[in-house]
PDB file of all heavy atoms in Angstrom:
ATOM      1  N   ILE A   1     -22.773 -13.636  -6.296  1.00  0.00           N
ATOM      2  CA  ILE A   1     -21.632 -14.499  -6.567  1.00  0.00           C
ATOM      3  C   ILE A   1     -20.515 -13.613  -7.114  1.00  0.00           C
ATOM      4  O   ILE A   1     -20.720 -12.845  -8.056  1.00  0.00           O
ATOM      5  CB  ILE A   1     -21.972 -15.598  -7.591  1.00  0.00           C
ATOM      6  CG1 ILE A   1     -22.993 -16.570  -6.995  1.00  0.00           C
ATOM      7  CG2 ILE A   1     -20.710 -16.341  -8.030  1.00  0.00           C
ATOM      8  CD1 ILE A   1     -23.465 -17.646  -7.973  1.00  0.00           C
ATOM      9  N   GLU A   2     -19.352 -13.728  -6.510  1.00  0.00           N
ATOM     10  CA  GLU A   2     -18.197 -12.963  -6.975  1.00  0.00           C
ATOM     11  C   GLU A   2     -17.403 -13.810  -7.972  1.00  0.00           C
ATOM     12  O   GLU A   2     -17.082 -14.967  -7.697  1.00  0.00           O
ATOM     13  CB  GLU A   2     -17.323 -12.567  -5.787  1.00  0.00           C
ATOM     14  CG  GLU A   2     -16.264 -11.525  -6.131  1.00  0.00           C
ATOM     15  CD  GLU A   2     -15.654 -10.878  -4.894  1.00  0.00           C
ATOM     16  OE1 GLU A   2     -16.257 -11.003  -3.793  1.00  0.00           O
ATOM     17  OE2 GLU A   2     -14.591 -10.249  -5.028  1.00  0.00           O
ATOM     18  N   MET A   3     -17.119 -13.230  -9.124  1.00  0.00           N
ATOM     19  CA  MET A   3     -16.323 -13.914 -10.141  1.00  0.00           C
ATOM     20  C   MET A   3     -14.972 -13.234 -10.273  1.00  0.00           C
ATOM     21  O   MET A   3     -14.877 -12.020 -10.418  1.00  0.00           O
ATOM     22  CB  MET A   3     -17.020 -13.894 -11.501  1.00  0.00           C
ATOM     23  CG  MET A   3     -16.257 -14.665 -12.573  1.00  0.00           C
ATOM     24  SD  MET A   3     -16.967 -14.533 -14.246  1.00  0.00           S
ATOM     25  CE  MET A   3     -16.352 -12.905 -14.731  1.00  0.00           C
ATOM     26  N   ASP A   4     -13.940 -14.036 -10.229  1.00  0.00           N
ATOM     27  CA  ASP A   4     -12.562 -13.552 -10.257  1.00  0.00           C
ATOM     28  C   ASP A   4     -11.844 -14.371 -11.326  1.00  0.00           C
ATOM     29  O   ASP A   4     -11.668 -15.580 -11.165  1.00  0.00           O
ATOM     30  CB  ASP A   4     -11.983 -13.765  -8.852  1.00  0.00           C
ATOM     31  CG  ASP A   4     -10.524 -13.415  -8.736  1.00  0.00           C
ATOM     32  OD1 ASP A   4      -9.698 -14.155  -9.289  1.00  0.00           O
ATOM     33  OD2 ASP A   4     -10.206 -12.435  -8.057  1.00  0.00           O
ATOM     34  N   LEU A   5     -11.465 -13.735 -12.433  1.00  0.00           N
ATOM     35  CA  LEU A   5     -10.844 -14.442 -13.555  1.00  0.00           C
ATOM     36  C   LEU A   5      -9.490 -13.813 -13.840  1.00  0.00           C
ATOM     37  O   LEU A   5      -9.399 -12.612 -14.115  1.00  0.00           O
ATOM     38  CB  LEU A   5     -11.753 -14.374 -14.782  1.00  0.00           C
ATOM     39  CG  LEU A   5     -11.338 -15.126 -16.051  1.00  0.00           C
ATOM     40  CD1 LEU A   5     -12.558 -15.399 -16.918  1.00  0.00           C
ATOM     41  CD2 LEU A   5     -10.296 -14.360 -16.868  1.00  0.00           C
ATOM     42  N   ALA A   6      -8.445 -14.619 -13.763  1.00  0.00           N
ATOM     43  CA  ALA A   6      -7.087 -14.143 -14.046  1.00  0.00           C
ATOM     44  C   ALA A   6      -6.541 -14.919 -15.240  1.00  0.00           C
ATOM     45  O   ALA A   6      -6.487 -16.150 -15.212  1.00  0.00           O
ATOM     46  CB  ALA A   6      -6.188 -14.331 -12.837  1.00  0.00           C
ATOM     47  N   TYR A   7      -6.138 -14.191 -16.275  1.00  0.00           N
ATOM     48  CA  TYR A   7      -5.632 -14.797 -17.511  1.00  0.00           C
ATOM     49  C   TYR A   7      -4.141 -14.543 -17.625  1.00  0.00           C
ATOM     50  O   TYR A   7      -3.654 -13.435 -17.374  1.00  0.00           O
ATOM     51  CB  TYR A   7      -6.367 -14.205 -18.715  1.00  0.00           C
ATOM     52  CG  TYR A   7      -5.680 -14.462 -20.048  1.00  0.00           C
ATOM     53  CD1 TYR A   7      -5.846 -15.669 -20.719  1.00  0.00           C
ATOM     54  CD2 TYR A   7      -4.859 -13.481 -20.621  1.00  0.00           C
ATOM     55  CE1 TYR A   7      -5.214 -15.902 -21.935  1.00  0.00           C
ATOM     56  CE2 TYR A   7      -4.230 -13.705 -21.841  1.00  0.00           C
ATOM     57  CZ  TYR A   7      -4.399 -14.920 -22.484  1.00  0.00           C
ATOM     58  OH  TYR A   7      -3.769 -15.143 -23.687  1.00  0.00           O
ATOM     59  N   TYR A   8      -3.424 -15.582 -18.069  1.00  0.00           N
ATOM     60  CA  TYR A   8      -1.976 -15.492 -18.242  1.00  0.00           C
ATOM     61  C   TYR A   8      -1.627 -15.889 -19.673  1.00  0.00           C
ATOM     62  O   TYR A   8      -1.939 -16.996 -20.114  1.00  0.00           O
ATOM     63  CB  TYR A   8      -1.259 -16.407 -17.247  1.00  0.00           C
ATOM     64  CG  TYR A   8      -1.530 -16.020 -15.815  1.00  0.00           C
ATOM     65  CD1 TYR A   8      -2.639 -16.536 -15.142  1.00  0.00           C
ATOM     66  CD2 TYR A   8      -0.721 -15.107 -15.152  1.00  0.00           C
ATOM     67  CE1 TYR A   8      -2.919 -16.159 -13.841  1.00  0.00           C
ATOM     68  CE2 TYR A   8      -0.992 -14.730 -13.846  1.00  0.00           C
ATOM     69  CZ  TYR A   8      -2.088 -15.248 -13.196  1.00  0.00           C
ATOM     70  OH  TYR A   8      -2.364 -14.875 -11.902  1.00  0.00           O
ATOM     71  N   ALA A   9      -0.994 -14.970 -20.401  1.00  0.00           N
ATOM     72  CA  ALA A   9      -0.639 -15.245 -21.790  1.00  0.00           C
ATOM     73  C   ALA A   9       0.408 -16.359 -21.879  1.00  0.00           C
ATOM     74  O   ALA A   9       0.364 -17.196 -22.788  1.00  0.00           O
ATOM     75  CB  ALA A   9      -0.116 -13.979 -22.462  1.00  0.00           C
ATOM     76  N   GLN A  10       1.335 -16.370 -20.916  1.00  0.00           N
ATOM     77  CA  GLN A  10       2.345 -17.425 -20.864  1.00  0.00           C
ATOM     78  C   GLN A  10       2.589 -17.803 -19.404  1.00  0.00           C
ATOM     79  O   GLN A  10       3.582 -17.386 -18.802  1.00  0.00           O
ATOM     80  CB  GLN A  10       3.643 -16.989 -21.535  1.00  0.00           C
ATOM     81  CG  GLN A  10       3.539 -16.859 -23.046  1.00  0.00           C
ATOM     82  CD  GLN A  10       4.901 -16.827 -23.722  1.00  0.00           C
ATOM     83  OE1 GLN A  10       5.920 -16.568 -23.114  1.00  0.00           O
ATOM     84  NE2 GLN A  10       4.916 -17.088 -25.013  1.00  0.00           N
ATOM     85  N   PRO A  11       1.674 -18.566 -18.814  1.00  0.00           N
ATOM     86  CA  PRO A  11       1.871 -18.973 -17.425  1.00  0.00           C
ATOM     87  C   PRO A  11       3.169 -19.746 -17.278  1.00  0.00           C
ATOM     88  O   PRO A  11       3.575 -20.483 -18.177  1.00  0.00           O
ATOM     89  CB  PRO A  11       0.658 -19.858 -17.131  1.00  0.00           C
ATOM     90  CG  PRO A  11       0.136 -20.273 -18.460  1.00  0.00           C
ATOM     91  CD  PRO A  11       0.472 -19.167 -19.400  1.00  0.00           C
ATOM     92  N   ARG A  12       3.824 -19.548 -16.153  1.00  0.00           N
ATOM     93  CA  ARG A  12       5.099 -20.230 -15.936  1.00  0.00           C
ATOM     94  C   ARG A  12       4.872 -21.728 -15.846  1.00  0.00           C
ATOM     95  O   ARG A  12       4.060 -22.204 -15.055  1.00  0.00           O
ATOM     96  CB  ARG A  12       5.756 -19.712 -14.648  1.00  0.00           C
ATOM     97  CG  ARG A  12       7.149 -20.277 -14.397  1.00  0.00           C
ATOM     98  CD  ARG A  12       7.825 -19.520 -13.274  1.00  0.00           C
ATOM     99  NE  ARG A  12       7.062 -19.594 -12.031  1.00  0.00           N
ATOM    100  CZ  ARG A  12       7.163 -20.608 -11.164  1.00  0.00           C
ATOM    101  NH1 ARG A  12       7.967 -21.626 -11.412  1.00  0.00           N
ATOM    102  NH2 ARG A  12       6.450 -20.605 -10.051  1.00  0.00           N
ATOM    103  N   VAL A  13       5.567 -22.469 -16.684  1.00  0.00           N
ATOM    104  CA  VAL A  13       5.426 -23.919 -16.693  1.00  0.00           C
ATOM    105  C   VAL A  13       5.813 -24.460 -15.330  1.00  0.00           C
ATOM    106  O   VAL A  13       6.872 -24.145 -14.793  1.00  0.00           O
ATOM    107  CB  VAL A  13       6.297 -24.544 -17.796  1.00  0.00           C
ATOM    108  CG1 VAL A  13       6.252 -26.058 -17.717  1.00  0.00           C
ATOM    109  CG2 VAL A  13       5.837 -24.075 -19.167  1.00  0.00           C
ATOM    110  N   GLY A  14       4.924 -25.262 -14.741  1.00  0.00           N
ATOM    111  CA  GLY A  14       5.167 -25.802 -13.406  1.00  0.00           C
ATOM    112  C   GLY A  14       4.503 -25.008 -12.301  1.00  0.00           C
ATOM    113  O   GLY A  14       4.481 -25.426 -11.156  1.00  0.00           O
ATOM    114  N   SER A  15       3.896 -23.852 -12.653  1.00  0.00           N
ATOM    115  CA  SER A  15       3.233 -23.037 -11.641  1.00  0.00           C
ATOM    116  C   SER A  15       1.791 -23.488 -11.453  1.00  0.00           C
ATOM    117  O   SER A  15       1.250 -24.245 -12.246  1.00  0.00           O
ATOM    118  CB  SER A  15       3.257 -21.560 -12.048  1.00  0.00           C
ATOM    119  OG  SER A  15       2.338 -21.327 -13.100  1.00  0.00           O
ATOM    120  N   SER A  16       1.161 -23.004 -10.389  1.00  0.00           N
ATOM    121  CA  SER A  16      -0.228 -23.376 -10.108  1.00  0.00           C
ATOM    122  C   SER A  16      -1.199 -22.241 -10.410  1.00  0.00           C
ATOM    123  O   SER A  16      -2.370 -22.324 -10.085  1.00  0.00           O
ATOM    124  CB  SER A  16      -0.373 -23.793  -8.644  1.00  0.00           C
ATOM    125  OG  SER A  16      -0.003 -22.721  -7.797  1.00  0.00           O
ATOM    126  N   MET A  17      -0.719 -21.134 -11.011  1.00  0.00           N
ATOM    127  CA  MET A  17      -1.579 -20.017 -11.415  1.00  0.00           C
ATOM    128  C   MET A  17      -2.441 -19.513 -10.254  1.00  0.00           C
ATOM    129  O   MET A  17      -3.616 -19.243 -10.405  1.00  0.00           O
ATOM    130  CB  MET A  17      -2.471 -20.432 -12.594  1.00  0.00           C
ATOM    131  CG  MET A  17      -1.697 -20.696 -13.876  1.00  0.00           C
ATOM    132  SD  MET A  17      -2.729 -21.367 -15.202  1.00  0.00           S
ATOM    133  CE  MET A  17      -3.939 -20.081 -15.396  1.00  0.00           C
ATOM    134  N   HIS A  18      -1.834 -19.379  -9.093  1.00  0.00           N
ATOM    135  CA  HIS A  18      -2.530 -18.841  -7.922  1.00  0.00           C
ATOM    136  C   HIS A  18      -3.767 -19.661  -7.560  1.00  0.00           C
ATOM    137  O   HIS A  18      -4.855 -19.125  -7.335  1.00  0.00           O
ATOM    138  CB  HIS A  18      -2.887 -17.373  -8.128  1.00  0.00           C
ATOM    139  CG  HIS A  18      -1.678 -16.490  -8.280  1.00  0.00           C
ATOM    140  ND1 HIS A  18      -0.915 -16.095  -7.209  1.00  0.00           N
ATOM    141  CD2 HIS A  18      -1.076 -15.969  -9.377  1.00  0.00           C
ATOM    142  CE1 HIS A  18       0.086 -15.341  -7.635  1.00  0.00           C
ATOM    143  NE2 HIS A  18       0.012 -15.254  -8.946  1.00  0.00           N
ATOM    144  N   SER A  19      -3.595 -20.948  -7.496  1.00  0.00           N
ATOM    145  CA  SER A  19      -4.676 -21.839  -7.074  1.00  0.00           C
ATOM    146  C   SER A  19      -5.114 -21.512  -5.656  1.00  0.00           C
ATOM    147  O   SER A  19      -4.275 -21.277  -4.776  1.00  0.00           O
ATOM    148  CB  SER A  19      -4.194 -23.293  -7.130  1.00  0.00           C
ATOM    149  OG  SER A  19      -4.971 -24.112  -6.289  1.00  0.00           O
ATOM    150  N   PRO A  20      -6.421 -21.495  -5.394  1.00  0.00           N
ATOM    151  CA  PRO A  20      -6.893 -21.247  -4.021  1.00  0.00           C
ATOM    152  C   PRO A  20      -6.330 -22.233  -2.997  1.00  0.00           C
ATOM    153  O   PRO A  20      -6.084 -21.853  -1.854  1.00  0.00           O
ATOM    154  CB  PRO A  20      -8.418 -21.396  -4.145  1.00  0.00           C
ATOM    155  CG  PRO A  20      -8.713 -21.043  -5.564  1.00  0.00           C
ATOM    156  CD  PRO A  20      -7.546 -21.572  -6.355  1.00  0.00           C
ATOM    157  N   LEU A  21      -6.114 -23.484  -3.403  1.00  0.00           N
ATOM    158  CA  LEU A  21      -5.580 -24.464  -2.444  1.00  0.00           C
ATOM    159  C   LEU A  21      -4.179 -24.095  -1.991  1.00  0.00           C
ATOM    160  O   LEU A  21      -3.762 -24.463  -0.887  1.00  0.00           O
ATOM    161  CB  LEU A  21      -5.566 -25.865  -3.069  1.00  0.00           C
ATOM    162  CG  LEU A  21      -6.916 -26.512  -3.347  1.00  0.00           C
ATOM    163  CD1 LEU A  21      -6.717 -27.965  -3.778  1.00  0.00           C
ATOM    164  CD2 LEU A  21      -7.832 -26.458  -2.122  1.00  0.00           C
ATOM    165  N   ASN A  22      -3.450 -23.350  -2.822  1.00  0.00           N
ATOM    166  CA  ASN A  22      -2.101 -22.931  -2.453  1.00  0.00           C
ATOM    167  C   ASN A  22      -2.072 -21.557  -1.818  1.00  0.00           C
ATOM    168  O   ASN A  22      -1.266 -21.305  -0.914  1.00  0.00           O
ATOM    169  CB  ASN A  22      -1.195 -22.937  -3.696  1.00  0.00           C
ATOM    170  CG  ASN A  22      -1.013 -24.329  -4.261  1.00  0.00           C
ATOM    171  OD1 ASN A  22      -1.057 -25.315  -3.537  1.00  0.00           O
ATOM    172  ND2 ASN A  22      -0.809 -24.423  -5.566  1.00  0.00           N
ATOM    173  N   CYS A  23      -2.934 -20.658  -2.293  1.00  0.00           N
ATOM    174  CA  CYS A  23      -2.862 -19.263  -1.852  1.00  0.00           C
ATOM    175  C   CYS A  23      -3.642 -18.976  -0.568  1.00  0.00           C
ATOM    176  O   CYS A  23      -3.182 -18.210   0.288  1.00  0.00           O
ATOM    177  CB  CYS A  23      -3.368 -18.349  -2.965  1.00  0.00           C
ATOM    178  SG  CYS A  23      -2.358 -18.374  -4.457  1.00  0.00           S
ATOM    179  N   LEU A  24      -4.839 -19.556  -0.427  1.00  0.00           N
ATOM    180  CA  LEU A  24      -5.692 -19.191   0.704  1.00  0.00           C
ATOM    181  C   LEU A  24      -5.109 -19.554   2.065  1.00  0.00           C
ATOM    182  O   LEU A  24      -5.201 -18.750   3.005  1.00  0.00           O
ATOM    183  CB  LEU A  24      -7.082 -19.817   0.534  1.00  0.00           C
ATOM    184  CG  LEU A  24      -7.940 -19.209  -0.586  1.00  0.00           C
ATOM    185  CD1 LEU A  24      -9.286 -19.919  -0.659  1.00  0.00           C
ATOM    186  CD2 LEU A  24      -8.152 -17.718  -0.368  1.00  0.00           C
TER     187      LEU A  24
END
């Protein structure tokens, strides 16, 4: 199982934080 964890100290309000549904 591949684990991919991305942390954002201040994610842009209104962003999707690179959601797979948007990026893939």
